[in-house]
Protein backbone atom coordinates (compact mmCIF):
# COMPACT_ATOMS: atom_id res chain seq x y z
CA UNK A 1 -8.46 8.93 21.46
CA UNK A 2 -11.60 10.63 22.67
CA UNK A 3 -12.15 8.65 25.87
CA UNK A 4 -10.66 5.84 27.93
CA UNK A 5 -11.25 2.18 27.18
CA UNK A 6 -9.24 -0.68 28.59
CA UNK A 7 -8.09 -3.67 26.54
CA UNK A 8 -7.38 -1.65 23.42
CA UNK A 9 -4.45 -3.14 21.48
CA UNK A 10 -1.27 -1.09 21.17
CA UNK A 11 -1.19 0.66 17.82
CA UNK A 12 2.13 1.92 16.59
CA UNK A 13 2.43 5.71 16.58
CA UNK A 14 2.99 8.01 13.61
CA UNK A 15 5.38 8.24 11.92
CA UNK A 16 5.00 4.46 11.76
CA UNK A 17 7.32 1.85 10.29
CA UNK A 18 4.63 -0.80 10.51
CA UNK A 19 0.92 -0.84 11.13
CA UNK A 20 0.63 1.30 8.01
CA UNK A 21 -2.58 2.40 6.33
CA UNK A 22 -2.00 3.27 2.68
CA UNK A 23 -4.89 5.11 1.02
CA UNK A 24 -5.62 5.35 -2.70
CA UNK A 25 -6.85 8.69 -4.04
CA UNK A 26 -8.45 7.99 -7.41
CA UNK A 27 -9.56 11.55 -8.09
CA UNK A 28 -10.56 13.55 -5.02
CA UNK A 29 -10.93 17.28 -5.53
CA UNK A 30 -8.81 19.65 -3.46
CA UNK A 31 -11.74 20.32 -1.14
CA UNK A 32 -12.57 16.62 -0.86
CA UNK A 33 -8.93 15.91 0.02
CA UNK A 34 -9.03 18.57 2.73
CA UNK A 35 -12.32 17.22 4.09
CA UNK A 36 -10.94 13.69 4.06
CA UNK A 37 -7.86 14.77 6.03
CA UNK A 38 -9.99 16.65 8.56
CA UNK A 39 -11.19 13.30 9.92
CA UNK A 40 -8.66 10.73 8.72
CA UNK A 41 -5.26 12.45 8.88
CA UNK A 42 -4.12 10.79 12.17
CA UNK A 43 -4.72 7.36 10.65
CA UNK A 44 -3.23 7.75 7.17
CA UNK A 45 0.44 6.90 6.69
CA UNK A 46 0.92 6.98 2.92
CA UNK A 47 -1.21 8.39 0.10
CA UNK A 48 -1.14 6.93 -3.39
CA UNK A 49 -2.43 8.88 -6.37
CA UNK A 50 -3.88 5.79 -8.02
CA UNK A 51 -2.56 4.24 -11.25
CA UNK A 52 -2.01 7.08 -13.77
CA UNK A 53 -4.44 9.64 -12.34
CA UNK A 54 -1.65 12.11 -11.52
CA UNK A 55 -1.17 12.69 -15.27
CA UNK A 56 -4.72 14.02 -15.68
CA UNK A 57 -5.35 15.51 -12.22
CA UNK A 58 -5.91 19.29 -12.26
CA UNK A 59 -4.05 21.29 -9.60
CA UNK A 60 -1.68 18.38 -8.99
CA UNK A 61 0.92 20.43 -7.13
CA UNK A 62 -1.74 21.92 -4.88
CA UNK A 63 -3.14 18.48 -4.10
CA UNK A 64 0.29 17.10 -3.24
CA UNK A 65 0.82 20.09 -0.96
CA UNK A 66 -2.48 19.43 0.82
CA UNK A 67 -1.24 15.97 1.79
CA UNK A 68 2.32 17.09 2.46
CA UNK A 69 1.09 19.81 4.84
CA UNK A 70 -0.53 17.01 6.85
CA UNK A 71 2.84 15.16 6.93
CA UNK A 72 1.50 12.40 4.73
CA UNK A 73 3.90 11.15 2.02
CA UNK A 74 2.44 11.03 -1.48
CA UNK A 75 3.47 8.79 -4.35
CA UNK A 76 2.35 8.10 -7.89
CA UNK A 77 0.74 4.74 -8.68
CA UNK A 78 3.00 2.07 -10.14
CA UNK A 79 1.07 2.13 -13.41
CA UNK A 80 2.51 5.60 -14.07
CA UNK A 81 6.04 4.27 -13.53
CA UNK A 82 5.29 1.51 -16.04
CA UNK A 83 3.81 4.02 -18.50
CA UNK A 84 7.06 6.00 -18.48
CA UNK A 85 9.14 2.84 -18.69
CA UNK A 86 7.37 1.29 -21.69
CA UNK A 87 7.91 4.59 -23.54
CA UNK A 88 11.65 4.54 -22.73
CA UNK A 89 11.22 7.61 -20.52
CA UNK A 90 12.75 6.43 -17.24
CA UNK A 91 14.96 9.52 -16.95
CA UNK A 92 11.90 11.72 -17.47
CA UNK A 93 10.14 9.80 -14.69
CA UNK A 94 13.02 10.60 -12.34
CA UNK A 95 12.79 14.27 -13.39
CA UNK A 96 9.05 14.30 -12.67
CA UNK A 97 9.34 12.90 -9.14
CA UNK A 98 12.13 15.39 -8.41
CA UNK A 99 10.09 18.26 -9.83
CA UNK A 100 7.06 17.40 -7.71
CA UNK A 101 9.11 16.70 -4.58
CA UNK A 102 7.97 13.08 -4.44
CA UNK A 103 10.16 11.00 -2.14
CA UNK A 104 8.15 7.76 -2.13
CA UNK A 105 8.18 5.76 -5.36
CA UNK A 106 6.32 2.64 -6.43
CA UNK A 107 8.11 0.23 -8.76
CA UNK A 108 5.78 -2.32 -10.32
CA UNK A 109 5.49 -4.66 -13.27
CA UNK A 110 1.81 -5.53 -13.06
CA UNK A 111 0.93 -4.29 -16.54
CA UNK A 112 4.16 -4.86 -18.45
CA UNK A 113 6.85 -7.53 -18.39
CA UNK A 114 10.18 -6.39 -16.98
CA UNK A 115 13.06 -8.86 -16.55
CA UNK A 116 13.42 -9.21 -12.80
CA UNK A 117 17.09 -8.24 -12.69
CA UNK A 118 16.15 -5.07 -14.59
CA UNK A 119 13.32 -4.34 -12.16
CA UNK A 120 15.73 -4.72 -9.25
CA UNK A 121 18.06 -2.31 -11.04
CA UNK A 122 15.29 0.32 -11.14
CA UNK A 123 14.62 -0.27 -7.44
CA UNK A 124 18.29 0.26 -6.66
CA UNK A 125 18.42 3.47 -8.74
CA UNK A 126 15.22 4.93 -7.30
CA UNK A 127 16.15 4.07 -3.71
CA UNK A 128 18.75 6.85 -4.00
CA UNK A 129 15.88 9.36 -4.29
CA UNK A 130 13.71 8.11 -1.44
CA UNK A 131 11.56 5.28 -0.15
CA UNK A 132 10.80 2.55 -2.69
CA UNK A 133 7.62 0.51 -2.45
CA UNK A 134 8.00 -2.42 -4.81
CA UNK A 135 4.87 -4.18 -5.98
CA UNK A 136 4.91 -7.94 -6.53
CA UNK A 137 2.21 -9.76 -8.46
CA UNK A 138 0.38 -9.42 -11.75
CA UNK A 139 -2.82 -7.55 -12.57
CA UNK A 140 -3.66 -10.44 -14.90
CA UNK A 141 -5.97 -12.83 -13.03
CA UNK A 142 -4.82 -15.67 -15.29
CA UNK A 143 -1.19 -15.24 -14.30
CA UNK A 144 -0.78 -17.36 -11.16
CA UNK A 145 2.57 -16.99 -9.39
CA UNK A 146 3.54 -19.95 -7.15
CA UNK A 147 4.37 -19.20 -3.50
CA UNK A 148 8.11 -19.93 -3.83
CA UNK A 149 8.30 -17.37 -6.63
CA UNK A 150 6.51 -14.69 -4.58
CA UNK A 151 9.08 -15.25 -1.82
CA UNK A 152 11.98 -15.17 -4.26
CA UNK A 153 10.77 -11.94 -5.89
CA UNK A 154 10.00 -10.19 -2.62
CA UNK A 155 13.33 -11.16 -1.08
CA UNK A 156 15.29 -9.94 -4.11
CA UNK A 157 13.41 -6.63 -4.26
CA UNK A 158 13.97 -5.93 -0.57
CA UNK A 159 17.65 -6.72 -1.07
CA UNK A 160 17.75 -4.34 -4.05
CA UNK A 161 16.66 -1.44 -1.85
CA UNK A 162 12.87 -1.55 -1.49
CA UNK A 163 11.71 -0.48 1.96
CA UNK A 164 8.43 -2.36 1.55
CA UNK A 165 7.04 -4.88 -0.88
CA UNK A 166 3.39 -4.51 -1.86
CA UNK A 167 1.35 -7.64 -2.43
CA UNK A 168 -0.69 -6.92 -5.57
CA UNK A 169 -4.49 -7.03 -5.51
CA UNK A 170 -5.58 -4.09 -7.70
CA UNK A 171 -8.02 -1.54 -6.34
CA UNK A 172 -10.80 -4.15 -6.64
CA UNK A 173 -9.06 -6.87 -4.59
CA UNK A 174 -9.57 -9.80 -6.97
CA UNK A 175 -6.12 -10.73 -8.34
CA UNK A 176 -2.68 -11.54 -6.96
CA UNK A 177 -3.05 -12.66 -3.35
CA UNK A 178 -6.80 -13.07 -3.88
CA UNK A 179 -9.00 -15.28 -5.98
CA UNK A 180 -11.41 -13.74 -8.47
CA UNK A 181 -14.10 -13.80 -5.76
CA UNK A 182 -11.94 -11.67 -3.46
CA UNK A 183 -11.18 -14.66 -1.21
CA UNK A 184 -7.66 -14.67 0.26
CA UNK A 185 -5.24 -17.28 -1.06
CA UNK A 186 -4.49 -18.31 2.51
CA UNK A 187 -1.84 -20.91 1.73
CA UNK A 188 0.06 -18.38 -0.38
CA UNK A 189 -0.07 -15.65 2.28
CA UNK A 190 0.99 -17.95 5.09
CA UNK A 191 3.86 -19.38 3.06
CA UNK A 192 5.10 -15.89 2.20
CA UNK A 193 5.12 -15.05 5.91
CA UNK A 194 7.44 -17.96 6.68
CA UNK A 195 10.22 -16.12 4.81
CA UNK A 196 9.32 -12.42 4.51
CA UNK A 197 8.80 -10.30 7.68
CA UNK A 198 5.22 -9.07 8.02
CA UNK A 199 6.40 -5.54 8.78
CA UNK A 200 8.02 -5.39 5.33
CA UNK A 201 4.83 -6.29 3.42
CA UNK A 202 1.94 -3.97 2.57
CA UNK A 203 -1.07 -6.12 1.76
CA UNK A 204 -3.44 -4.48 -0.71
CA UNK A 205 -6.78 -5.09 0.99
CA UNK A 206 -9.58 -2.89 -0.34
CA UNK A 207 -12.37 -5.18 0.90
CA UNK A 208 -13.46 -5.43 4.55
CA UNK A 209 -13.21 -9.23 4.66
CA UNK A 210 -9.63 -8.98 3.38
CA UNK A 211 -8.71 -6.39 6.02
CA UNK A 212 -10.23 -8.59 8.70
CA UNK A 213 -8.23 -11.60 7.53
CA UNK A 214 -4.90 -9.79 7.97
CA UNK A 215 -5.85 -8.24 11.30
CA UNK A 216 -6.73 -11.70 12.61
CA UNK A 217 -3.58 -13.25 11.14
CA UNK A 218 -0.98 -10.57 11.91
CA UNK A 219 -2.62 -8.34 14.49
CA UNK A 220 -3.76 -4.74 14.72
CA UNK A 221 -0.51 -3.48 13.17
CA UNK A 222 -0.77 -5.30 9.85
CA UNK A 223 0.28 -3.06 6.93
CA UNK A 224 -2.79 -2.56 4.72
CA UNK A 225 -3.08 -0.76 1.41
CA UNK A 226 -5.45 0.42 -1.31
CA UNK A 227 -7.92 1.74 1.23
CA UNK A 228 -10.65 4.00 -0.08
CA UNK A 229 -10.63 7.39 1.69
CA UNK A 230 -14.08 6.84 3.20
CA UNK A 231 -12.96 3.51 4.74
CA UNK A 232 -10.07 4.81 6.87
CA UNK A 233 -11.98 5.56 10.08
CA UNK A 234 -13.89 2.27 9.95
CA UNK A 235 -10.63 0.38 9.38
CA UNK A 236 -9.00 2.08 12.36
CA UNK A 237 -11.98 1.12 14.52
CA UNK A 238 -11.65 -2.45 13.28
CA UNK A 239 -7.90 -2.41 14.04
CA UNK A 240 -8.57 -1.72 17.72
CA UNK A 241 -11.52 -4.07 18.21
CA UNK A 242 -14.29 -1.49 17.97
CA UNK A 243 -16.20 -2.97 15.08
CA UNK A 244 -18.32 -6.09 15.26
CA UNK A 245 -15.90 -8.13 13.15
CA UNK A 246 -13.03 -7.69 15.65
CA UNK A 247 -15.01 -6.93 18.82
CA UNK A 248 -13.73 -9.99 20.73
CA UNK A 249 -10.35 -10.24 19.02
CA UNK A 250 -8.34 -8.23 21.55
CA UNK A 251 -10.35 -8.75 24.71
CA UNK A 252 -8.82 -10.74 27.56
CA UNK A 253 -10.01 -14.31 27.13
CA UNK A 254 -10.74 -14.59 30.85
């Protein structure tokens, strides 16, 4: 940090196992990616090339190398995995991640229906190639999953080989663990946390109020995902109590 302040909470250090910030790149240019990293690199743990953007991104290898040179793992959005799967091209998907040197993989079923045992089978297979981030929850706002089912799915996917489970919210933050207004389904989140360790869950939280909720509930080292690139520095300030929303959160009560 640039100067000394007391009563700053202890952030985990990179490479982190928890306290992760996962950023979504939805189409930055090479120069924009470099500029983004020039300020945010110390605070970014994982970079997702959102949904299926990697299929249409020019200079994809160069972009991946920009992030890799900053020691930031890159992975393709789960929608791309589903796009390969629905076309019966799972083997081709494996070939693609090998070809691009991708060692983090998202397994999701937010857009298509996959029998859960089959999904766990894909997690097990892909865990042999690297770190699996398994997304739980539907992109369909009408599809409400009860808390016991979230716990059951998350537990099974971790057992199948996922390193983390991602709680679905989309890039807009209005489905899954959130209501259509973006409000957190607090009862759902708190029930999940009675059975699934917080350090194993990445909460998609693109909105500031959502980020604040998890920092207040879990602490400065909550795993947060789907951050826009321009929000990383402000999130890190909020994590350590240097934004109005969390200013008093970590100060000694005395």
